Amino acid sequence: FLLLWAPVYLLRAVRRVYQLSWPW
């Protein structure tokens, strides 16, 4: 779970903080 959650977490964090679309 930790291995799988880490990349998903970072993707969602970048999207939220920098207000980007999913592809960007």
PDB file of all heavy atoms in Angstrom:
ATOM      1  N   PHE A   1       0.833  -1.209   0.000  1.00  0.00           N
ATOM      2  CA  PHE A   1       0.000   0.000   0.000  1.00  0.00           C
ATOM      3  C   PHE A   1       0.870   1.262   0.000  1.00  0.00           C
ATOM      4  O   PHE A   1       0.587   2.216  -0.734  1.00  0.00           O
ATOM      5  CB  PHE A   1      -0.902   0.005   1.233  1.00  0.00           C
ATOM      6  CG  PHE A   1      -1.613   1.318   1.446  1.00  0.00           C
ATOM      7  CD1 PHE A   1      -2.709   1.673   0.679  1.00  0.00           C
ATOM      8  CD2 PHE A   1      -1.165   2.218   2.410  1.00  0.00           C
ATOM      9  CE1 PHE A   1      -3.356   2.885   0.854  1.00  0.00           C
ATOM     10  CE2 PHE A   1      -1.799   3.439   2.599  1.00  0.00           C
ATOM     11  CZ  PHE A   1      -2.901   3.769   1.817  1.00  0.00           C
ATOM     12  N   LEU A   2       1.920   1.280   0.805  1.00  0.00           N
ATOM     13  CA  LEU A   2       2.792   2.451   0.862  1.00  0.00           C
ATOM     14  C   LEU A   2       3.453   2.716  -0.489  1.00  0.00           C
ATOM     15  O   LEU A   2       3.556   3.864  -0.930  1.00  0.00           O
ATOM     16  CB  LEU A   2       3.862   2.258   1.941  1.00  0.00           C
ATOM     17  CG  LEU A   2       3.366   2.230   3.393  1.00  0.00           C
ATOM     18  CD1 LEU A   2       4.529   1.975   4.342  1.00  0.00           C
ATOM     19  CD2 LEU A   2       2.671   3.525   3.758  1.00  0.00           C
ATOM     20  N   LEU A   3       3.898   1.650  -1.154  1.00  0.00           N
ATOM     21  CA  LEU A   3       4.552   1.800  -2.450  1.00  0.00           C
ATOM     22  C   LEU A   3       3.585   2.331  -3.507  1.00  0.00           C
ATOM     23  O   LEU A   3       3.959   3.139  -4.366  1.00  0.00           O
ATOM     24  CB  LEU A   3       5.144   0.466  -2.913  1.00  0.00           C
ATOM     25  CG  LEU A   3       6.343  -0.067  -2.131  1.00  0.00           C
ATOM     26  CD1 LEU A   3       6.847  -1.353  -2.764  1.00  0.00           C
ATOM     27  CD2 LEU A   3       7.474   0.964  -2.091  1.00  0.00           C
ATOM     28  N   LEU A   4       2.335   1.882  -3.456  1.00  0.00           N
ATOM     29  CA  LEU A   4       1.349   2.300  -4.451  1.00  0.00           C
ATOM     30  C   LEU A   4       0.779   3.678  -4.135  1.00  0.00           C
ATOM     31  O   LEU A   4       0.453   4.450  -5.049  1.00  0.00           O
ATOM     32  CB  LEU A   4       0.214   1.278  -4.527  1.00  0.00           C
ATOM     33  CG  LEU A   4       0.598  -0.111  -5.051  1.00  0.00           C
ATOM     34  CD1 LEU A   4      -0.595  -1.049  -4.994  1.00  0.00           C
ATOM     35  CD2 LEU A   4       1.137  -0.024  -6.481  1.00  0.00           C
ATOM     36  N   TRP A   5       0.648   3.997  -2.848  1.00  0.00           N
ATOM     37  CA  TRP A   5       0.045   5.265  -2.455  1.00  0.00           C
ATOM     38  C   TRP A   5       0.966   6.448  -2.715  1.00  0.00           C
ATOM     39  O   TRP A   5       0.505   7.536  -3.077  1.00  0.00           O
ATOM     40  CB  TRP A   5      -0.345   5.219  -0.979  1.00  0.00           C
ATOM     41  CG  TRP A   5      -0.886   6.508  -0.417  1.00  0.00           C
ATOM     42  CD1 TRP A   5      -0.431   7.175   0.674  1.00  0.00           C
ATOM     43  CD2 TRP A   5      -1.994   7.281  -0.910  1.00  0.00           C
ATOM     44  NE1 TRP A   5      -1.170   8.306   0.893  1.00  0.00           N
ATOM     45  CE2 TRP A   5      -2.146   8.401  -0.061  1.00  0.00           C
ATOM     46  CE3 TRP A   5      -2.870   7.130  -1.985  1.00  0.00           C
ATOM     47  CZ2 TRP A   5      -3.112   9.369  -0.260  1.00  0.00           C
ATOM     48  CZ3 TRP A   5      -3.846   8.093  -2.192  1.00  0.00           C
ATOM     49  CH2 TRP A   5      -3.972   9.193  -1.324  1.00  0.00           C
ATOM     50  N   ALA A   6       2.270   6.243  -2.586  1.00  0.00           N
ATOM     51  CA  ALA A   6       3.224   7.354  -2.719  1.00  0.00           C
ATOM     52  C   ALA A   6       3.114   8.082  -4.060  1.00  0.00           C
ATOM     53  O   ALA A   6       2.951   9.306  -4.086  1.00  0.00           O
ATOM     54  CB  ALA A   6       4.648   6.851  -2.483  1.00  0.00           C
ATOM     55  N   PRO A   7       3.180   7.403  -5.226  1.00  0.00           N
ATOM     56  CA  PRO A   7       3.073   8.151  -6.495  1.00  0.00           C
ATOM     57  C   PRO A   7       1.701   8.778  -6.700  1.00  0.00           C
ATOM     58  O   PRO A   7       1.597   9.881  -7.252  1.00  0.00           O
ATOM     59  CB  PRO A   7       3.373   7.090  -7.561  1.00  0.00           C
ATOM     60  CG  PRO A   7       3.128   5.784  -6.904  1.00  0.00           C
ATOM     61  CD  PRO A   7       3.461   5.980  -5.463  1.00  0.00           C
ATOM     62  N   VAL A   8       0.649   8.093  -6.252  1.00  0.00           N
ATOM     63  CA  VAL A   8      -0.705   8.652  -6.371  1.00  0.00           C
ATOM     64  C   VAL A   8      -0.825   9.909  -5.522  1.00  0.00           C
ATOM     65  O   VAL A   8      -1.375  10.931  -5.955  1.00  0.00           O
ATOM     66  CB  VAL A   8      -1.759   7.609  -5.946  1.00  0.00           C
ATOM     67  CG1 VAL A   8      -3.158   8.231  -5.913  1.00  0.00           C
ATOM     68  CG2 VAL A   8      -1.737   6.415  -6.896  1.00  0.00           C
ATOM     69  N   TYR A   9      -0.302   9.837  -4.323  1.00  0.00           N
ATOM     70  CA  TYR A   9      -0.332  10.977  -3.403  1.00  0.00           C
ATOM     71  C   TYR A   9       0.369  12.185  -4.012  1.00  0.00           C
ATOM     72  O   TYR A   9      -0.168  13.299  -4.024  1.00  0.00           O
ATOM     73  CB  TYR A   9       0.328  10.577  -2.088  1.00  0.00           C
ATOM     74  CG  TYR A   9       0.445  11.702  -1.079  1.00  0.00           C
ATOM     75  CD1 TYR A   9      -0.449  11.810  -0.023  1.00  0.00           C
ATOM     76  CD2 TYR A   9       1.465  12.657  -1.179  1.00  0.00           C
ATOM     77  CE1 TYR A   9      -0.346  12.830   0.901  1.00  0.00           C
ATOM     78  CE2 TYR A   9       1.567  13.686  -0.259  1.00  0.00           C
ATOM     79  CZ  TYR A   9       0.665  13.766   0.779  1.00  0.00           C
ATOM     80  OH  TYR A   9       0.775  14.790   1.686  1.00  0.00           O
ATOM     81  N   LEU A  10       1.590  11.978  -4.506  1.00  0.00           N
ATOM     82  CA  LEU A  10       2.371  13.086  -5.045  1.00  0.00           C
ATOM     83  C   LEU A  10       1.708  13.694  -6.280  1.00  0.00           C
ATOM     84  O   LEU A  10       1.731  14.916  -6.474  1.00  0.00           O
ATOM     85  CB  LEU A  10       3.788  12.616  -5.368  1.00  0.00           C
ATOM     86  CG  LEU A  10       4.613  12.198  -4.148  1.00  0.00           C
ATOM     87  CD1 LEU A  10       5.928  11.562  -4.570  1.00  0.00           C
ATOM     88  CD2 LEU A  10       4.876  13.398  -3.233  1.00  0.00           C
ATOM     89  N   LEU A  11       1.101  12.856  -7.105  1.00  0.00           N
ATOM     90  CA  LEU A  11       0.374  13.357  -8.276  1.00  0.00           C
ATOM     91  C   LEU A  11      -0.787  14.250  -7.849  1.00  0.00           C
ATOM     92  O   LEU A  11      -0.969  15.355  -8.379  1.00  0.00           O
ATOM     93  CB  LEU A  11      -0.144  12.175  -9.099  1.00  0.00           C
ATOM     94  CG  LEU A  11      -1.112  12.514 -10.245  1.00  0.00           C
ATOM     95  CD1 LEU A  11      -0.433  13.418 -11.267  1.00  0.00           C
ATOM     96  CD2 LEU A  11      -1.612  11.235 -10.906  1.00  0.00           C
ATOM     97  N   ARG A  12      -1.538  13.792  -6.876  1.00  0.00           N
ATOM     98  CA  ARG A  12      -2.682  14.578  -6.405  1.00  0.00           C
ATOM     99  C   ARG A  12      -2.224  15.853  -5.702  1.00  0.00           C
ATOM    100  O   ARG A  12      -2.871  16.899  -5.811  1.00  0.00           O
ATOM    101  CB  ARG A  12      -3.534  13.726  -5.464  1.00  0.00           C
ATOM    102  CG  ARG A  12      -4.226  12.553  -6.154  1.00  0.00           C
ATOM    103  CD  ARG A  12      -5.018  11.709  -5.188  1.00  0.00           C
ATOM    104  NE  ARG A  12      -6.090  12.475  -4.568  1.00  0.00           N
ATOM    105  CZ  ARG A  12      -6.878  12.004  -3.605  1.00  0.00           C
ATOM    106  NH1 ARG A  12      -6.699  10.765  -3.152  1.00  0.00           N
ATOM    107  NH2 ARG A  12      -7.832  12.753  -3.096  1.00  0.00           N
ATOM    108  N   ALA A  13      -1.103  15.779  -4.985  1.00  0.00           N
ATOM    109  CA  ALA A  13      -0.589  16.965  -4.295  1.00  0.00           C
ATOM    110  C   ALA A  13      -0.153  18.030  -5.298  1.00  0.00           C
ATOM    111  O   ALA A  13      -0.468  19.210  -5.143  1.00  0.00           O
ATOM    112  CB  ALA A  13       0.579  16.572  -3.391  1.00  0.00           C
ATOM    113  N   VAL A  14       0.574  17.609  -6.330  1.00  0.00           N
ATOM    114  CA  VAL A  14       1.013  18.550  -7.367  1.00  0.00           C
ATOM    115  C   VAL A  14      -0.197  19.172  -8.053  1.00  0.00           C
ATOM    116  O   VAL A  14      -0.234  20.395  -8.297  1.00  0.00           O
ATOM    117  CB  VAL A  14       1.907  17.830  -8.402  1.00  0.00           C
ATOM    118  CG1 VAL A  14       2.126  18.700  -9.632  1.00  0.00           C
ATOM    119  CG2 VAL A  14       3.250  17.466  -7.777  1.00  0.00           C
ATOM    120  N   ARG A  15      -1.185  18.367  -8.364  1.00  0.00           N
ATOM    121  CA  ARG A  15      -2.373  18.872  -9.063  1.00  0.00           C
ATOM    122  C   ARG A  15      -3.117  19.897  -8.208  1.00  0.00           C
ATOM    123  O   ARG A  15      -3.569  20.931  -8.715  1.00  0.00           O
ATOM    124  CB  ARG A  15      -3.312  17.720  -9.419  1.00  0.00           C
ATOM    125  CG  ARG A  15      -4.537  18.156 -10.221  1.00  0.00           C
ATOM    126  CD  ARG A  15      -5.330  16.943 -10.707  1.00  0.00           C
ATOM    127  NE  ARG A  15      -6.414  17.366 -11.567  1.00  0.00           N
ATOM    128  CZ  ARG A  15      -7.652  17.631 -11.146  1.00  0.00           C
ATOM    129  NH1 ARG A  15      -7.954  17.494  -9.854  1.00  0.00           N
ATOM    130  NH2 ARG A  15      -8.596  18.003 -11.995  1.00  0.00           N
ATOM    131  N   ARG A  16      -3.239  19.629  -6.921  1.00  0.00           N
ATOM    132  CA  ARG A  16      -3.990  20.535  -6.058  1.00  0.00           C
ATOM    133  C   ARG A  16      -3.249  21.847  -5.822  1.00  0.00           C
ATOM    134  O   ARG A  16      -3.821  22.924  -5.928  1.00  0.00           O
ATOM    135  CB  ARG A  16      -4.285  19.858  -4.719  1.00  0.00           C
ATOM    136  CG  ARG A  16      -4.990  20.778  -3.737  1.00  0.00           C
ATOM    137  CD  ARG A  16      -5.553  20.053  -2.556  1.00  0.00           C
ATOM    138  NE  ARG A  16      -6.392  20.944  -1.767  1.00  0.00           N
ATOM    139  CZ  ARG A  16      -7.123  20.543  -0.736  1.00  0.00           C
ATOM    140  NH1 ARG A  16      -7.143  19.277  -0.402  1.00  0.00           N
ATOM    141  NH2 ARG A  16      -7.844  21.411  -0.067  1.00  0.00           N
ATOM    142  N   VAL A  17      -1.963  21.751  -5.470  1.00  0.00           N
ATOM    143  CA  VAL A  17      -1.207  22.952  -5.103  1.00  0.00           C
ATOM    144  C   VAL A  17      -0.958  23.843  -6.317  1.00  0.00           C
ATOM    145  O   VAL A  17      -1.069  25.070  -6.228  1.00  0.00           O
ATOM    146  CB  VAL A  17       0.114  22.569  -4.424  1.00  0.00           C
ATOM    147  CG1 VAL A  17       0.984  23.791  -4.187  1.00  0.00           C
ATOM    148  CG2 VAL A  17      -0.162  21.849  -3.098  1.00  0.00           C
ATOM    149  N   TYR A  18      -0.637  23.228  -7.454  1.00  0.00           N
ATOM    150  CA  TYR A  18      -0.296  24.020  -8.641  1.00  0.00           C
ATOM    151  C   TYR A  18      -1.477  24.187  -9.598  1.00  0.00           C
ATOM    152  O   TYR A  18      -1.321  24.807 -10.660  1.00  0.00           O
ATOM    153  CB  TYR A  18       0.894  23.392  -9.359  1.00  0.00           C
ATOM    154  CG  TYR A  18       2.176  23.555  -8.573  1.00  0.00           C
ATOM    155  CD1 TYR A  18       2.611  22.566  -7.688  1.00  0.00           C
ATOM    156  CD2 TYR A  18       2.938  24.713  -8.680  1.00  0.00           C
ATOM    157  CE1 TYR A  18       3.773  22.722  -6.942  1.00  0.00           C
ATOM    158  CE2 TYR A  18       4.102  24.877  -7.944  1.00  0.00           C
ATOM    159  CZ  TYR A  18       4.504  23.880  -7.082  1.00  0.00           C
ATOM    160  OH  TYR A  18       5.662  24.048  -6.335  1.00  0.00           O
ATOM    161  N   GLN A  19      -2.630  23.635  -9.205  1.00  0.00           N
ATOM    162  CA  GLN A  19      -3.869  23.814  -9.969  1.00  0.00           C
ATOM    163  C   GLN A  19      -3.677  23.463 -11.447  1.00  0.00           C
ATOM    164  O   GLN A  19      -3.888  24.276 -12.349  1.00  0.00           O
ATOM    165  CB  GLN A  19      -4.381  25.245  -9.812  1.00  0.00           C
ATOM    166  CG  GLN A  19      -4.730  25.611  -8.377  1.00  0.00           C
ATOM    167  CD  GLN A  19      -5.249  27.024  -8.216  1.00  0.00           C
ATOM    168  OE1 GLN A  19      -5.775  27.620  -9.162  1.00  0.00           O
ATOM    169  NE2 GLN A  19      -5.128  27.576  -7.012  1.00  0.00           N
ATOM    170  N   LEU A  20      -3.297  22.211 -11.675  1.00  0.00           N
ATOM    171  CA  LEU A  20      -3.028  21.712 -13.016  1.00  0.00           C
ATOM    172  C   LEU A  20      -4.074  20.683 -13.423  1.00  0.00           C
ATOM    173  O   LEU A  20      -4.720  20.066 -12.573  1.00  0.00           O
ATOM    174  CB  LEU A  20      -1.641  21.058 -13.072  1.00  0.00           C
ATOM    175  CG  LEU A  20      -0.441  21.950 -12.750  1.00  0.00           C
ATOM    176  CD1 LEU A  20       0.808  21.084 -12.603  1.00  0.00           C
ATOM    177  CD2 LEU A  20      -0.227  22.999 -13.834  1.00  0.00           C
ATOM    178  N   SER A  21      -4.214  20.472 -14.717  1.00  0.00           N
ATOM    179  CA  SER A  21      -5.040  19.373 -15.207  1.00  0.00           C
ATOM    180  C   SER A  21      -4.312  18.065 -14.922  1.00  0.00           C
ATOM    181  O   SER A  21      -3.105  18.063 -14.638  1.00  0.00           O
ATOM    182  CB  SER A  21      -5.276  19.521 -16.711  1.00  0.00           C
ATOM    183  OG  SER A  21      -4.037  19.429 -17.410  1.00  0.00           O
ATOM    184  N   TRP A  22      -5.021  16.953 -15.003  1.00  0.00           N
ATOM    185  CA  TRP A  22      -4.388  15.668 -14.717  1.00  0.00           C
ATOM    186  C   TRP A  22      -3.179  15.385 -15.613  1.00  0.00           C
ATOM    187  O   TRP A  22      -2.122  14.975 -15.111  1.00  0.00           O
ATOM    188  CB  TRP A  22      -5.412  14.532 -14.839  1.00  0.00           C
ATOM    189  CG  TRP A  22      -6.347  14.447 -13.677  1.00  0.00           C
ATOM    190  CD1 TRP A  22      -7.677  14.728 -13.669  1.00  0.00           C
ATOM    191  CD2 TRP A  22      -6.020  14.051 -12.330  1.00  0.00           C
ATOM    192  NE1 TRP A  22      -8.212  14.541 -12.406  1.00  0.00           N
ATOM    193  CE2 TRP A  22      -7.216  14.126 -11.572  1.00  0.00           C
ATOM    194  CE3 TRP A  22      -4.840  13.665 -11.700  1.00  0.00           C
ATOM    195  CZ2 TRP A  22      -7.263  13.816 -10.219  1.00  0.00           C
ATOM    196  CZ3 TRP A  22      -4.882  13.349 -10.344  1.00  0.00           C
ATOM    197  CH2 TRP A  22      -6.078  13.422  -9.618  1.00  0.00           C
ATOM    198  N   PRO A  23      -3.267  15.601 -16.943  1.00  0.00           N
ATOM    199  CA  PRO A  23      -2.086  15.331 -17.783  1.00  0.00           C
ATOM    200  C   PRO A  23      -0.878  16.198 -17.416  1.00  0.00           C
ATOM    201  O   PRO A  23       0.257  15.701 -17.348  1.00  0.00           O
ATOM    202  CB  PRO A  23      -2.574  15.638 -19.203  1.00  0.00           C
ATOM    203  CG  PRO A  23      -4.059  15.452 -19.140  1.00  0.00           C
ATOM    204  CD  PRO A  23      -4.449  15.920 -17.774  1.00  0.00           C
ATOM    205  N   TRP A  24      -1.110  17.503 -17.173  1.00  0.00           N
ATOM    206  CA  TRP A  24      -0.009  18.388 -16.812  1.00  0.00           C
ATOM    207  C   TRP A  24       0.537  18.045 -15.427  1.00  0.00           C
ATOM    208  O   TRP A  24       1.747  18.136 -15.176  1.00  0.00           O
ATOM    209  CB  TRP A  24      -0.441  19.848 -16.875  1.00  0.00           C
ATOM    210  CG  TRP A  24      -0.452  20.400 -18.263  1.00  0.00           C
ATOM    211  CD1 TRP A  24      -1.537  20.769 -19.007  1.00  0.00           C
ATOM    212  CD2 TRP A  24       0.692  20.641 -19.094  1.00  0.00           C
ATOM    213  NE1 TRP A  24      -1.153  21.209 -20.239  1.00  0.00           N
ATOM    214  CE2 TRP A  24       0.213  21.158 -20.333  1.00  0.00           C
ATOM    215  CE3 TRP A  24       2.069  20.481 -18.927  1.00  0.00           C
ATOM    216  CZ2 TRP A  24       1.063  21.505 -21.380  1.00  0.00           C
ATOM    217  CZ3 TRP A  24       2.920  20.817 -19.979  1.00  0.00           C
ATOM    218  CH2 TRP A  24       2.422  21.328 -21.177  1.00  0.00           C
TER     219      TRP A  24
END
